[in-house]
């Protein structure tokens, strides 16, 4: 089981899934009175999308350090790659749309 987790692919998958889960937790804990589509419209109109994306990238830092602590370096490398990809998306949003 551990060998399946300590792969580059598993690290990339964890690095993408953890921010999505964090985004859903933030939505249901703070904005549960809004519909999901209204929430996205308000975020885009309020130009808060880069802020939300940057907050959702932060849990990857914790995941990266946990994988390093467990000496799962391939999975940590996958989390790092997915974090860089999300940061590039964030930079593109900031550069083009805002």
C-alpha atoms as a PDB file:
ATOM      1  CA  UNK A   1       0.000   0.000   0.000  1.00  0.00           C
ATOM      2  CA  UNK A   2       2.790   2.454   0.872  1.00  0.00           C
ATOM      3  CA  UNK A   3       4.536   1.828  -2.428  1.00  0.00           C
ATOM      4  CA  UNK A   4       1.336   2.845  -4.234  1.00  0.00           C
ATOM      5  CA  UNK A   5       1.212   6.158  -2.388  1.00  0.00           C
ATOM      6  CA  UNK A   6       4.896   6.955  -2.842  1.00  0.00           C
ATOM      7  CA  UNK A   7       4.671   7.604  -6.575  1.00  0.00           C
ATOM      8  CA  UNK A   8       4.763  10.759  -8.622  1.00  0.00           C
ATOM      9  CA  UNK A   9       1.257  10.154  -9.959  1.00  0.00           C
ATOM     10  CA  UNK A  10      -0.227   9.687  -6.488  1.00  0.00           C
ATOM     11  CA  UNK A  11       1.472  12.891  -5.330  1.00  0.00           C
ATOM     12  CA  UNK A  12       0.006  14.839  -8.245  1.00  0.00           C
ATOM     13  CA  UNK A  13      -3.446  13.415  -7.552  1.00  0.00           C
ATOM     14  CA  UNK A  14      -3.189  14.274  -3.842  1.00  0.00           C
ATOM     15  CA  UNK A  15      -1.899  17.733  -4.771  1.00  0.00           C
ATOM     16  CA  UNK A  16      -4.990  18.393  -6.880  1.00  0.00           C
ATOM     17  CA  UNK A  17      -7.606  16.713  -4.675  1.00  0.00           C
ATOM     18  CA  UNK A  18      -6.574  18.332  -1.374  1.00  0.00           C
ATOM     19  CA  UNK A  19      -7.169  21.934  -2.593  1.00  0.00           C
ATOM     20  CA  UNK A  20     -10.549  20.930  -4.028  1.00  0.00           C
ATOM     21  CA  UNK A  21     -11.578  19.375  -0.708  1.00  0.00           C
ATOM     22  CA  UNK A  22     -10.338  22.467   1.126  1.00  0.00           C
ATOM     23  CA  UNK A  23     -12.383  24.664  -1.263  1.00  0.00           C
ATOM     24  CA  UNK A  24     -15.530  22.649  -0.543  1.00  0.00           C
ATOM     25  CA  UNK A  25     -14.913  22.817   3.209  1.00  0.00           C
ATOM     26  CA  UNK A  26     -14.472  26.593   3.030  1.00  0.00           C
ATOM     27  CA  UNK A  27     -17.665  26.942   1.009  1.00  0.00           C
ATOM     28  CA  UNK A  28     -19.805  24.883   3.371  1.00  0.00           C
ATOM     29  CA  UNK A  29     -18.334  26.390   6.526  1.00  0.00           C
ATOM     30  CA  UNK A  30     -18.597  30.071   5.528  1.00  0.00           C
ATOM     31  CA  UNK A  31     -21.139  30.421   2.738  1.00  0.00           C
ATOM     32  CA  UNK A  32     -23.682  27.666   3.276  1.00  0.00           C
ATOM     33  CA  UNK A  33     -26.591  30.087   2.793  1.00  0.00           C
ATOM     34  CA  UNK A  34     -25.664  30.613  -0.895  1.00  0.00           C
ATOM     35  CA  UNK A  35     -26.099  28.243  -3.783  1.00  0.00           C
ATOM     36  CA  UNK A  36     -22.855  26.991  -5.267  1.00  0.00           C
ATOM     37  CA  UNK A  37     -23.458  28.752  -8.619  1.00  0.00           C
ATOM     38  CA  UNK A  38     -24.269  32.057  -6.889  1.00  0.00           C
ATOM     39  CA  UNK A  39     -21.107  31.717  -4.839  1.00  0.00           C
ATOM     40  CA  UNK A  40     -18.989  31.310  -7.980  1.00  0.00           C
ATOM     41  CA  UNK A  41     -20.677  34.267  -9.664  1.00  0.00           C
ATOM     42  CA  UNK A  42     -20.068  36.473  -6.619  1.00  0.00           C
ATOM     43  CA  UNK A  43     -16.434  35.380  -6.433  1.00  0.00           C
ATOM     44  CA  UNK A  44     -15.844  36.155 -10.107  1.00  0.00           C
ATOM     45  CA  UNK A  45     -17.689  39.486 -10.025  1.00  0.00           C
ATOM     46  CA  UNK A  46     -15.948  40.476  -6.813  1.00  0.00           C
ATOM     47  CA  UNK A  47     -12.559  39.561  -8.302  1.00  0.00           C
ATOM     48  CA  UNK A  48     -11.862  37.215  -5.415  1.00  0.00           C
ATOM     49  CA  UNK A  49     -10.949  34.197  -7.524  1.00  0.00           C
ATOM     50  CA  UNK A  50      -7.152  34.612  -7.152  1.00  0.00           C
ATOM     51  CA  UNK A  51      -7.574  34.981  -3.390  1.00  0.00           C
ATOM     52  CA  UNK A  52      -9.618  31.797  -3.140  1.00  0.00           C
ATOM     53  CA  UNK A  53      -7.185  29.853  -5.344  1.00  0.00           C
ATOM     54  CA  UNK A  54      -4.212  31.006  -3.292  1.00  0.00           C
ATOM     55  CA  UNK A  55      -5.932  29.979  -0.058  1.00  0.00           C
ATOM     56  CA  UNK A  56      -6.688  26.555  -1.501  1.00  0.00           C
ATOM     57  CA  UNK A  57      -3.042  26.000  -2.440  1.00  0.00           C
ATOM     58  CA  UNK A  58      -1.917  26.396   1.188  1.00  0.00           C
ATOM     59  CA  UNK A  59      -2.963  22.874   2.335  1.00  0.00           C
ATOM     60  CA  UNK A  60      -0.524  21.470  -0.232  1.00  0.00           C
ATOM     61  CA  UNK A  61       2.268  22.908   1.891  1.00  0.00           C
ATOM     62  CA  UNK A  62       1.170  20.781   4.824  1.00  0.00           C
ATOM     63  CA  UNK A  63       0.819  17.735   2.576  1.00  0.00           C
ATOM     64  CA  UNK A  64       4.290  18.352   1.131  1.00  0.00           C
ATOM     65  CA  UNK A  65       5.876  18.473   4.588  1.00  0.00           C
ATOM     66  CA  UNK A  66       4.008  15.354   5.722  1.00  0.00           C
ATOM     67  CA  UNK A  67       5.271  13.432   2.702  1.00  0.00           C
ATOM     68  CA  UNK A  68       8.806  14.669   3.359  1.00  0.00           C
ATOM     69  CA  UNK A  69       8.553  13.676   7.019  1.00  0.00           C
ATOM     70  CA  UNK A  70       7.417  10.182   5.995  1.00  0.00           C
ATOM     71  CA  UNK A  71      10.310  10.074   3.494  1.00  0.00           C
ATOM     72  CA  UNK A  72       7.931   9.620   0.551  1.00  0.00           C
ATOM     73  CA  UNK A  73       9.991  11.812  -1.722  1.00  0.00           C
ATOM     74  CA  UNK A  74       8.340  10.800  -4.991  1.00  0.00           C
ATOM     75  CA  UNK A  75       4.896  11.716  -3.658  1.00  0.00           C
ATOM     76  CA  UNK A  76       6.292  14.982  -2.264  1.00  0.00           C
ATOM     77  CA  UNK A  77       7.677  15.761  -5.704  1.00  0.00           C
ATOM     78  CA  UNK A  78       4.215  15.158  -7.193  1.00  0.00           C
ATOM     79  CA  UNK A  79       2.615  17.523  -4.690  1.00  0.00           C
ATOM     80  CA  UNK A  80       5.259  20.114  -5.530  1.00  0.00           C
ATOM     81  CA  UNK A  81       4.562  19.774  -9.264  1.00  0.00           C
ATOM     82  CA  UNK A  82       0.812  20.163  -8.777  1.00  0.00           C
ATOM     83  CA  UNK A  83       1.388  23.173  -6.529  1.00  0.00           C
ATOM     84  CA  UNK A  84       3.534  24.790  -9.207  1.00  0.00           C
ATOM     85  CA  UNK A  85       0.805  24.106 -11.783  1.00  0.00           C
ATOM     86  CA  UNK A  86      -1.840  25.684  -9.546  1.00  0.00           C
ATOM     87  CA  UNK A  87       0.426  28.660  -8.917  1.00  0.00           C
ATOM     88  CA  UNK A  88       0.882  29.073 -12.683  1.00  0.00           C
ATOM     89  CA  UNK A  89      -2.903  29.052 -13.100  1.00  0.00           C
ATOM     90  CA  UNK A  90      -3.180  31.648 -10.337  1.00  0.00           C
ATOM     91  CA  UNK A  91      -0.550  33.836 -11.987  1.00  0.00           C
ATOM     92  CA  UNK A  92      -2.350  33.538 -15.344  1.00  0.00           C
ATOM     93  CA  UNK A  93      -5.647  34.613 -13.774  1.00  0.00           C
ATOM     94  CA  UNK A  94      -3.989  37.606 -12.144  1.00  0.00           C
ATOM     95  CA  UNK A  95      -2.164  38.582 -15.329  1.00  0.00           C
ATOM     96  CA  UNK A  96      -4.970  38.208 -17.841  1.00  0.00           C
ATOM     97  CA  UNK A  97      -8.250  38.835 -16.049  1.00  0.00           C
ATOM     98  CA  UNK A  98      -7.460  41.204 -13.204  1.00  0.00           C
END
